Amino acid sequence: MEKQKTQSFDRGSALSIFGSDRKEDLIALVLALVLSLFIYISY
């Protein structure tokens, strides 16, 4: 019988400037909020 291979996915974190995915996601959320507030206020 063959052993089942475990799939692992590379999320591209080698290109990230942050140490963790959670920190990267949090920074992206904050930047999106700031950008949306800026657009909302300026129009």
Protein backbone atom coordinates (compact mmCIF):
# COMPACT_ATOMS: atom_id res chain seq x y z
CA MET A 1 0.00 0.00 0.00
CA GLU A 2 1.16 3.49 -0.79
CA LYS A 3 1.63 6.12 1.85
CA GLN A 4 -0.62 9.12 1.41
CA LYS A 5 1.25 12.32 0.75
CA THR A 6 0.37 15.26 2.92
CA GLN A 7 -0.31 18.40 0.95
CA SER A 8 1.24 21.57 2.25
CA PHE A 9 0.58 24.99 0.83
CA ASP A 10 3.10 27.78 0.62
CA ARG A 11 1.32 31.06 1.23
CA GLY A 12 4.22 33.08 -0.16
CA SER A 13 5.35 34.24 3.26
CA ALA A 14 8.94 34.30 2.03
CA LEU A 15 8.10 37.58 0.26
CA SER A 16 6.50 39.11 3.32
CA ILE A 17 8.24 41.85 5.28
CA PHE A 18 6.38 40.83 8.45
CA GLY A 19 7.27 37.98 10.74
CA SER A 20 3.80 36.53 11.05
CA ASP A 21 0.73 36.25 8.87
CA ARG A 22 -1.48 37.56 11.67
CA LYS A 23 0.51 40.80 11.91
CA GLU A 24 0.45 41.20 8.13
CA ASP A 25 -3.35 40.74 8.07
CA LEU A 26 -3.82 43.23 10.90
CA ILE A 27 -1.70 45.88 9.16
CA ALA A 28 -3.65 45.33 5.92
CA LEU A 29 -6.96 45.79 7.77
CA VAL A 30 -5.78 48.99 9.44
CA LEU A 31 -4.50 50.42 6.15
CA ALA A 32 -7.77 49.55 4.40
CA LEU A 33 -9.73 51.26 7.19
CA VAL A 34 -7.57 54.40 7.01
CA LEU A 35 -7.86 54.52 3.22
CA SER A 36 -11.63 54.06 3.28
CA LEU A 37 -12.05 56.75 5.95
CA PHE A 38 -9.88 59.15 3.93
CA ILE A 39 -11.96 58.55 0.80
CA TYR A 40 -15.22 58.88 2.77
CA ILE A 41 -14.18 62.18 4.38
CA SER A 42 -12.70 63.73 1.23
CA TYR A 43 -15.88 63.22 -0.86
